[in-house]
Protein backbone atom coordinates (compact mmCIF):
# COMPACT_ATOMS: atom_id res chain seq x y z
CA MET A 1 -10.13 -30.53 -47.73
CA THR A 2 -9.19 -27.71 -45.64
CA SER A 3 -5.76 -27.52 -44.59
CA SER A 4 -6.54 -25.96 -41.01
CA GLY A 5 -8.78 -29.22 -39.99
CA PHE A 6 -7.80 -32.54 -38.91
CA ASN A 7 -9.11 -35.37 -40.81
CA PRO A 8 -7.88 -38.93 -39.53
CA LYS A 9 -9.11 -40.60 -43.10
CA SER A 10 -6.68 -38.53 -44.97
CA LYS A 11 -3.39 -39.85 -45.57
CA ARG A 12 -0.72 -37.52 -46.63
CA PRO A 13 3.05 -37.98 -47.02
CA LEU A 14 5.41 -37.18 -44.19
CA LEU A 15 7.16 -34.67 -46.47
CA ALA A 16 3.88 -32.85 -47.60
CA LEU A 17 3.37 -32.46 -43.54
CA ILE A 18 6.89 -31.22 -42.69
CA GLY A 19 6.58 -28.85 -45.85
CA GLU A 20 3.45 -27.31 -44.14
CA LEU A 21 4.86 -27.12 -40.97
CA PRO A 22 6.45 -23.51 -41.39
CA GLY A 23 3.39 -22.31 -42.74
CA GLN A 24 1.32 -23.63 -39.59
CA ILE A 25 3.98 -22.40 -37.06
CA SER A 26 3.78 -18.89 -38.57
CA ALA A 27 -0.01 -18.87 -38.74
CA LEU A 28 0.14 -20.08 -35.00
CA VAL A 29 2.36 -17.23 -34.09
CA LYS A 30 0.33 -14.64 -35.95
CA ALA A 31 -2.83 -15.74 -34.32
CA GLU A 32 -1.05 -15.61 -30.51
CA LEU A 33 0.28 -12.21 -31.54
CA ASP A 34 -3.22 -10.94 -32.55
CA ALA A 35 -4.76 -12.46 -29.49
CA PHE A 36 -2.07 -10.63 -27.41
CA LYS A 37 -2.68 -7.37 -29.17
CA ALA A 38 -6.53 -7.55 -28.72
CA GLU A 39 -6.12 -8.49 -24.86
CA PHE A 40 -3.54 -5.79 -24.65
CA THR A 41 -5.84 -3.22 -26.17
CA ALA A 42 -8.64 -4.14 -24.06
CA LYS A 43 -6.63 -3.65 -20.96
CA ALA A 44 -5.06 -0.57 -22.32
CA LYS A 45 -8.58 0.98 -22.92
CA ASN A 46 -9.77 -0.04 -19.48
CA PHE A 47 -6.47 1.33 -17.69
CA GLY A 48 -6.96 4.42 -19.56
CA ILE A 49 -10.58 4.65 -18.56
CA GLY A 50 -9.87 4.14 -14.95
CA ALA A 51 -7.04 6.34 -14.60
CA SER A 52 -9.27 9.25 -16.28
CA LEU A 53 -11.89 8.51 -13.59
CA PHE A 54 -9.23 8.76 -10.87
CA ILE A 55 -8.17 12.16 -12.21
CA VAL A 56 -11.76 13.56 -12.27
CA ALA A 57 -12.48 12.23 -8.76
CA GLY A 58 -9.15 14.09 -7.71
CA ALA A 59 -10.38 17.26 -9.17
CA PHE A 60 -13.79 16.90 -7.40
CA LEU A 61 -11.88 16.27 -3.99
CA PHE A 62 -9.70 19.14 -4.65
CA PHE A 63 -12.82 21.58 -4.93
CA ALA A 64 -14.30 19.71 -1.93
CA LEU A 65 -11.10 20.59 0.16
CA GLY A 66 -12.02 24.23 -0.77
CA VAL A 67 -15.40 24.07 0.08
CA LEU A 68 -14.56 22.46 3.76
CA VAL A 69 -12.00 25.18 4.28
CA ALA A 70 -14.62 27.75 3.39
CA LEU A 71 -16.90 25.85 5.90
CA PHE A 72 -13.93 26.07 8.54
CA VAL A 73 -14.11 29.86 8.08
CA ILE A 74 -17.87 30.38 8.24
CA LEU A 75 -17.75 28.44 11.39
CA LEU A 76 -15.46 30.48 12.96
CA ALA A 77 -17.03 33.73 11.59
CA LEU A 78 -20.01 32.79 13.68
CA VAL A 79 -18.17 33.43 17.01
CA LEU A 80 -15.35 35.83 15.40
CA PRO A 81 -15.06 38.51 12.93
CA LEU A 82 -14.66 37.25 9.50
CA TRP A 83 -11.22 38.52 8.99
CA LEU A 84 -10.12 37.06 12.12
CA ALA A 85 -11.69 33.67 11.16
CA THR A 86 -10.02 33.72 7.89
CA LEU A 87 -6.52 34.49 9.33
CA ILE A 88 -6.93 31.64 11.98
CA VAL A 89 -7.85 29.19 9.10
CA LEU A 90 -5.00 30.46 7.01
CA VAL A 91 -2.24 30.27 9.70
CA VAL A 92 -3.77 26.47 10.79
CA LEU A 93 -3.16 25.50 6.93
CA LEU A 94 0.29 27.22 6.63
CA LEU A 95 1.23 25.23 9.96
CA ILE A 96 -0.11 22.01 8.55
CA ALA A 97 1.77 22.68 5.37
CA ALA A 98 5.02 23.45 7.11
CA LEU A 99 4.83 20.35 9.36
CA LEU A 100 4.32 18.08 6.21
CA VAL A 101 7.28 19.79 4.33
CA LEU A 102 9.68 19.10 7.64
CA ILE A 103 8.48 15.11 7.75
CA GLY A 104 8.97 15.06 3.87
CA VAL A 105 12.41 16.83 4.07
CA ASN A 106 13.61 14.16 6.94
CA ARG A 107 12.13 11.28 4.78
CA VAL A 108 14.14 12.23 1.69
CA LYS A 109 17.38 12.68 3.84
CA ALA A 110 16.71 9.31 5.40
CA ALA A 111 16.26 7.83 2.10
CA THR A 112 19.36 9.30 0.50
CA LYS A 113 21.73 9.09 3.12
CA PRO A 114 24.80 6.79 2.43
CA ASP A 115 24.48 3.04 4.15
CA PRO A 116 28.02 1.96 4.95
CA GLU A 117 26.95 -1.57 5.14
CA GLY A 118 24.34 -1.40 2.37
CA VAL A 119 24.55 -2.14 -1.48
CA HIS A 120 27.28 0.15 -2.28
CA ALA A 121 29.62 -1.43 -0.29
CA SER A 122 28.81 -4.85 -0.98
CA ILE A 123 29.41 -4.06 -4.43
CA ARG A 124 32.83 -2.19 -3.72
CA HIS A 125 33.78 -5.37 -1.72
CA ASP A 126 32.72 -7.50 -4.82
CA VAL A 127 35.05 -5.42 -7.18
CA ASP A 128 37.83 -5.31 -4.89
CA ALA A 129 37.41 -8.99 -4.67
CA PHE A 130 37.27 -9.47 -8.50
CA LYS A 131 40.42 -7.30 -8.60
CA GLY A 132 42.24 -9.54 -6.21
CA VAL A 133 42.38 -6.82 -3.72
CA GLY A 134 41.52 -7.01 -0.08
CA GLU A 135 39.67 -9.77 1.95
CA TYR A 136 37.04 -12.08 0.45
CA ASP A 137 35.29 -14.91 2.57
CA HIS A 138 33.74 -17.62 0.79
CA LYS A 139 29.93 -17.89 2.07
């Protein structure tokens, strides 16, 4: 007779069944943990492979961007001297970078400026109400 299978013909006393319950529960918990560990390991492996592929693709895109910049220089060099074409592409890239920095600075300032009606004020209002200081309306 196996202890893991169900046999309706076997009659066992209730105390014996209750005595086996902790072992059955621990076996069930162990099996669930093993299944969770196997699932997590598979997902982590797939995530790692996917993240690695994104990094490699990013490296290729970086080099492709360099080739694109070189193409712009070569195209301008067809109608202008090479040094002037290179200078024009350099200035355009610097202007784009400066514009992106300005936009980024404005976004960071907007994200970090204090909001007088925001969460900080709400927490201060709740702390004051808890202390019994100030007004507190029951909404």
